[in-house]
Amino acid sequence: MLNIESKKNAAELSVALIGRLDTNTAPELEQALNASLDGVETLLIDMEQLDYISSAGLRVLLAAQKTMNKQGEMKVLHVNETVMEIFEVTGFSDILTIE
C-alpha cells in the first residue's frame, strides 16, 4: 500500500510517499505526478516514510526526473537506508539529487 501526500505551492510540488512503491502502487504515483507536474519548477519527493521501492517505482522516478530536467529540478529527501541501498545498487544515487 502507498499513500501519496501532495502539496503544491506556486511552482513547487512536494510529494510525500508513505508505504511501499512497487508494481501495484507505481501506476498510482505515475498518474499523480503526470497530473500535477504542469508548470512545476521544483519537485520534492519526501521518502522519509517509504519502506520499499521496486524497479517499477524506480521507473516512475526516472520518468519524473526526465520531465523535471526539462522544466526545473527534482530532489529526493529523507531517504532511509533500505531505499538508499536500492538507489546505490541500481545507480540511481548518481542520477537523482538526494538530500
N, C-alpha and C. Protein backbone atom coordinates (compact mmCIF):
# COMPACT_ATOMS: atom_id res chain seq x y z
N MET A 1 0.83 -1.19 0.00
CA MET A 1 0.00 0.00 0.00
C MET A 1 0.87 1.25 0.00
N LEU A 2 0.42 2.27 -0.71
CA LEU A 2 1.16 3.52 -0.79
C LEU A 2 0.21 4.69 -0.58
N ASN A 3 0.60 5.60 0.31
CA ASN A 3 -0.11 6.86 0.45
C ASN A 3 0.73 7.95 -0.18
N ILE A 4 0.10 8.81 -0.95
CA ILE A 4 0.80 9.91 -1.60
C ILE A 4 0.19 11.21 -1.07
N GLU A 5 1.02 12.02 -0.43
CA GLU A 5 0.54 13.31 0.07
C GLU A 5 1.22 14.41 -0.72
N SER A 6 0.44 15.15 -1.49
CA SER A 6 0.99 16.21 -2.33
C SER A 6 0.61 17.58 -1.80
N LYS A 7 1.58 18.48 -1.85
CA LYS A 7 1.32 19.89 -1.52
C LYS A 7 1.93 20.73 -2.61
N LYS A 8 1.12 21.61 -3.20
CA LYS A 8 1.64 22.48 -4.25
C LYS A 8 1.68 23.91 -3.75
N ASN A 9 2.82 24.56 -3.96
CA ASN A 9 2.99 25.93 -3.52
C ASN A 9 3.64 26.68 -4.68
N ALA A 10 2.84 27.43 -5.42
CA ALA A 10 3.30 28.13 -6.63
C ALA A 10 3.94 27.12 -7.58
N ALA A 11 5.24 27.25 -7.88
CA ALA A 11 5.90 26.36 -8.84
C ALA A 11 6.63 25.22 -8.15
N GLU A 12 6.31 24.99 -6.88
CA GLU A 12 6.96 23.90 -6.14
C GLU A 12 5.92 22.85 -5.75
N LEU A 13 6.24 21.60 -6.06
CA LEU A 13 5.37 20.49 -5.68
C LEU A 13 6.13 19.58 -4.73
N SER A 14 5.53 19.33 -3.59
CA SER A 14 6.13 18.46 -2.59
C SER A 14 5.27 17.20 -2.49
N VAL A 15 5.91 16.04 -2.65
CA VAL A 15 5.19 14.77 -2.63
C VAL A 15 5.82 13.87 -1.56
N ALA A 16 5.02 13.49 -0.57
CA ALA A 16 5.49 12.57 0.46
C ALA A 16 4.96 11.17 0.14
N LEU A 17 5.86 10.19 0.14
CA LEU A 17 5.48 8.81 -0.14
C LEU A 17 5.50 8.02 1.16
N ILE A 18 4.39 7.36 1.46
CA ILE A 18 4.27 6.60 2.70
C ILE A 18 3.87 5.17 2.37
N GLY A 19 4.73 4.21 2.73
CA GLY A 19 4.42 2.81 2.48
C GLY A 19 5.37 2.17 1.50
N ARG A 20 4.81 1.45 0.51
CA ARG A 20 5.61 0.70 -0.45
C ARG A 20 5.34 1.18 -1.87
N LEU A 21 6.43 1.45 -2.59
CA LEU A 21 6.31 1.84 -4.00
C LEU A 21 6.75 0.63 -4.82
N ASP A 22 5.75 -0.13 -5.32
CA ASP A 22 6.06 -1.36 -6.02
C ASP A 22 5.19 -1.48 -7.28
N THR A 23 5.17 -2.65 -7.88
CA THR A 23 4.42 -2.87 -9.12
C THR A 23 2.96 -2.47 -8.99
N ASN A 24 2.38 -2.70 -7.83
CA ASN A 24 0.96 -2.39 -7.62
C ASN A 24 0.69 -0.91 -7.43
N THR A 25 1.64 -0.19 -6.81
CA THR A 25 1.39 1.21 -6.46
C THR A 25 2.07 2.21 -7.39
N ALA A 26 3.05 1.76 -8.18
CA ALA A 26 3.77 2.67 -9.08
C ALA A 26 2.84 3.41 -10.06
N PRO A 27 1.86 2.72 -10.67
CA PRO A 27 0.96 3.44 -11.60
C PRO A 27 0.22 4.58 -10.92
N GLU A 28 -0.11 4.40 -9.64
CA GLU A 28 -0.81 5.42 -8.87
C GLU A 28 0.07 6.69 -8.75
N LEU A 29 1.35 6.49 -8.43
CA LEU A 29 2.27 7.62 -8.32
C LEU A 29 2.48 8.27 -9.69
N GLU A 30 2.61 7.43 -10.71
CA GLU A 30 2.81 7.94 -12.06
C GLU A 30 1.65 8.84 -12.48
N GLN A 31 0.43 8.40 -12.22
CA GLN A 31 -0.76 9.21 -12.54
C GLN A 31 -0.77 10.51 -11.76
N ALA A 32 -0.46 10.41 -10.47
CA ALA A 32 -0.46 11.60 -9.61
C ALA A 32 0.56 12.63 -10.10
N LEU A 33 1.76 12.16 -10.46
CA LEU A 33 2.79 13.07 -10.94
C LEU A 33 2.43 13.65 -12.30
N ASN A 34 1.98 12.81 -13.22
CA ASN A 34 1.61 13.29 -14.55
C ASN A 34 0.54 14.36 -14.48
N ALA A 35 -0.38 14.21 -13.53
CA ALA A 35 -1.49 15.16 -13.39
C ALA A 35 -1.04 16.47 -12.77
N SER A 36 0.09 16.46 -12.03
CA SER A 36 0.45 17.68 -11.28
C SER A 36 1.75 18.37 -11.68
N LEU A 37 2.50 17.82 -12.64
CA LEU A 37 3.81 18.42 -12.94
C LEU A 37 3.76 19.63 -13.88
N ASP A 38 2.61 19.92 -14.42
CA ASP A 38 2.49 21.06 -15.33
C ASP A 38 2.84 22.36 -14.61
N GLY A 39 3.83 23.09 -15.10
CA GLY A 39 4.19 24.37 -14.51
C GLY A 39 5.03 24.26 -13.25
N VAL A 40 5.39 23.04 -12.86
CA VAL A 40 6.20 22.85 -11.65
C VAL A 40 7.68 23.02 -12.00
N GLU A 41 8.39 23.84 -11.23
CA GLU A 41 9.82 24.04 -11.46
C GLU A 41 10.66 23.27 -10.45
N THR A 42 10.09 23.00 -9.27
CA THR A 42 10.80 22.24 -8.26
C THR A 42 9.90 21.12 -7.77
N LEU A 43 10.40 19.89 -7.91
CA LEU A 43 9.67 18.72 -7.41
C LEU A 43 10.46 18.13 -6.26
N LEU A 44 9.83 18.06 -5.09
CA LEU A 44 10.45 17.48 -3.90
C LEU A 44 9.73 16.18 -3.58
N ILE A 45 10.49 15.09 -3.52
CA ILE A 45 9.88 13.81 -3.17
C ILE A 45 10.44 13.37 -1.82
N ASP A 46 9.57 13.34 -0.82
CA ASP A 46 9.95 13.00 0.55
C ASP A 46 9.75 11.51 0.77
N MET A 47 10.85 10.81 1.07
CA MET A 47 10.78 9.35 1.23
C MET A 47 11.00 8.91 2.67
N GLU A 48 10.80 9.83 3.59
CA GLU A 48 11.04 9.53 5.00
C GLU A 48 10.26 8.30 5.46
N GLN A 49 9.03 8.14 4.95
CA GLN A 49 8.17 7.03 5.39
C GLN A 49 7.96 5.99 4.29
N LEU A 50 8.89 5.97 3.32
CA LEU A 50 8.82 4.95 2.27
C LEU A 50 9.60 3.72 2.73
N ASP A 51 8.91 2.58 2.79
CA ASP A 51 9.54 1.36 3.31
C ASP A 51 10.27 0.58 2.24
N TYR A 52 9.81 0.69 0.99
CA TYR A 52 10.34 -0.18 -0.06
C TYR A 52 10.11 0.47 -1.42
N ILE A 53 11.05 0.25 -2.35
CA ILE A 53 10.86 0.69 -3.73
C ILE A 53 11.30 -0.43 -4.66
N SER A 54 10.47 -0.74 -5.66
CA SER A 54 10.81 -1.79 -6.63
C SER A 54 11.26 -1.14 -7.93
N SER A 55 11.60 -1.99 -8.92
CA SER A 55 12.02 -1.47 -10.22
C SER A 55 10.91 -0.65 -10.87
N ALA A 56 9.66 -1.02 -10.62
CA ALA A 56 8.53 -0.25 -11.17
C ALA A 56 8.52 1.16 -10.57
N GLY A 57 8.82 1.25 -9.28
CA GLY A 57 8.90 2.55 -8.62
C GLY A 57 10.06 3.37 -9.15
N LEU A 58 11.19 2.70 -9.38
CA LEU A 58 12.37 3.39 -9.93
C LEU A 58 12.06 3.97 -11.31
N ARG A 59 11.31 3.22 -12.10
CA ARG A 59 10.95 3.67 -13.45
C ARG A 59 10.13 4.96 -13.39
N VAL A 60 9.20 5.03 -12.43
CA VAL A 60 8.37 6.23 -12.27
C VAL A 60 9.24 7.42 -11.86
N LEU A 61 10.20 7.17 -10.95
CA LEU A 61 11.12 8.24 -10.52
C LEU A 61 11.96 8.74 -11.70
N LEU A 62 12.42 7.80 -12.52
CA LEU A 62 13.24 8.16 -13.67
C LEU A 62 12.45 9.02 -14.65
N ALA A 63 11.20 8.64 -14.90
CA ALA A 63 10.34 9.42 -15.80
C ALA A 63 10.13 10.83 -15.24
N ALA A 64 9.90 10.92 -13.92
CA ALA A 64 9.70 12.22 -13.29
C ALA A 64 10.98 13.06 -13.40
N GLN A 65 12.13 12.41 -13.21
CA GLN A 65 13.42 13.11 -13.31
C GLN A 65 13.61 13.67 -14.72
N LYS A 66 13.27 12.87 -15.73
CA LYS A 66 13.41 13.32 -17.12
C LYS A 66 12.52 14.52 -17.39
N THR A 67 11.30 14.48 -16.90
CA THR A 67 10.37 15.60 -17.07
C THR A 67 10.93 16.84 -16.38
N MET A 68 11.40 16.67 -15.14
CA MET A 68 11.89 17.81 -14.37
C MET A 68 13.20 18.37 -14.92
N ASN A 69 14.00 17.55 -15.59
CA ASN A 69 15.23 18.05 -16.23
C ASN A 69 14.89 19.13 -17.25
N LYS A 70 13.73 19.01 -17.87
CA LYS A 70 13.31 19.97 -18.89
C LYS A 70 12.73 21.24 -18.29
N GLN A 71 12.12 21.13 -17.10
CA GLN A 71 11.38 22.29 -16.59
C GLN A 71 11.85 22.78 -15.23
N GLY A 72 12.91 22.19 -14.68
CA GLY A 72 13.38 22.65 -13.38
C GLY A 72 14.24 21.60 -12.71
N GLU A 73 13.93 21.30 -11.46
CA GLU A 73 14.76 20.35 -10.72
C GLU A 73 13.90 19.43 -9.87
N MET A 74 14.46 18.27 -9.56
CA MET A 74 13.79 17.31 -8.70
C MET A 74 14.77 16.91 -7.60
N LYS A 75 14.28 16.90 -6.37
CA LYS A 75 15.10 16.49 -5.23
C LYS A 75 14.40 15.38 -4.47
N VAL A 76 15.18 14.39 -4.05
CA VAL A 76 14.64 13.30 -3.25
C VAL A 76 15.15 13.51 -1.83
N LEU A 77 14.23 13.57 -0.87
CA LEU A 77 14.57 13.92 0.51
C LEU A 77 14.35 12.77 1.48
N HIS A 78 15.11 12.79 2.57
CA HIS A 78 14.92 11.87 3.71
C HIS A 78 14.88 10.40 3.30
N VAL A 79 15.85 9.97 2.50
CA VAL A 79 15.89 8.58 2.05
C VAL A 79 16.44 7.70 3.17
N ASN A 80 15.72 6.64 3.51
CA ASN A 80 16.20 5.74 4.56
C ASN A 80 17.24 4.76 4.01
N GLU A 81 17.86 3.98 4.90
CA GLU A 81 18.95 3.09 4.50
C GLU A 81 18.51 2.04 3.48
N THR A 82 17.35 1.46 3.68
CA THR A 82 16.86 0.41 2.79
C THR A 82 16.71 0.92 1.36
N VAL A 83 16.05 2.07 1.22
CA VAL A 83 15.81 2.64 -0.10
C VAL A 83 17.13 3.15 -0.69
N MET A 84 17.98 3.73 0.13
CA MET A 84 19.28 4.24 -0.34
C MET A 84 20.13 3.11 -0.91
N GLU A 85 20.06 1.96 -0.27
CA GLU A 85 20.82 0.79 -0.75
C GLU A 85 20.34 0.41 -2.15
N ILE A 86 19.04 0.44 -2.37
CA ILE A 86 18.49 0.13 -3.69
C ILE A 86 18.96 1.18 -4.70
N PHE A 87 18.95 2.46 -4.31
CA PHE A 87 19.42 3.52 -5.20
C PHE A 87 20.90 3.30 -5.58
N GLU A 88 21.70 2.89 -4.59
CA GLU A 88 23.14 2.70 -4.84
C GLU A 88 23.39 1.51 -5.75
N VAL A 89 22.72 0.41 -5.49
CA VAL A 89 22.90 -0.81 -6.29
C VAL A 89 22.47 -0.59 -7.74
N THR A 90 21.41 0.19 -7.94
CA THR A 90 20.87 0.40 -9.29
C THR A 90 21.51 1.58 -10.01
N GLY A 91 22.37 2.35 -9.30
CA GLY A 91 22.99 3.52 -9.91
C GLY A 91 22.12 4.76 -9.86
N PHE A 92 20.95 4.65 -9.23
CA PHE A 92 20.04 5.80 -9.14
C PHE A 92 20.62 6.90 -8.25
N SER A 93 21.53 6.52 -7.35
CA SER A 93 22.14 7.54 -6.49
C SER A 93 22.96 8.53 -7.32
N ASP A 94 23.38 8.11 -8.53
CA ASP A 94 24.12 9.01 -9.42
C ASP A 94 23.19 9.86 -10.27
N ILE A 95 21.98 9.38 -10.50
CA ILE A 95 21.03 10.05 -11.38
C ILE A 95 20.21 11.09 -10.62
N LEU A 96 19.80 10.72 -9.41
CA LEU A 96 18.90 11.57 -8.64
C LEU A 96 19.68 12.54 -7.74
N THR A 97 19.06 13.67 -7.43
CA THR A 97 19.61 14.59 -6.43
C THR A 97 19.00 14.18 -5.10
N ILE A 98 19.85 13.60 -4.22
CA ILE A 98 19.35 13.08 -2.95
C ILE A 98 19.89 13.95 -1.82
N GLU A 99 18.98 14.45 -1.00
CA GLU A 99 19.41 15.33 0.11
C GLU A 99 18.95 14.77 1.43
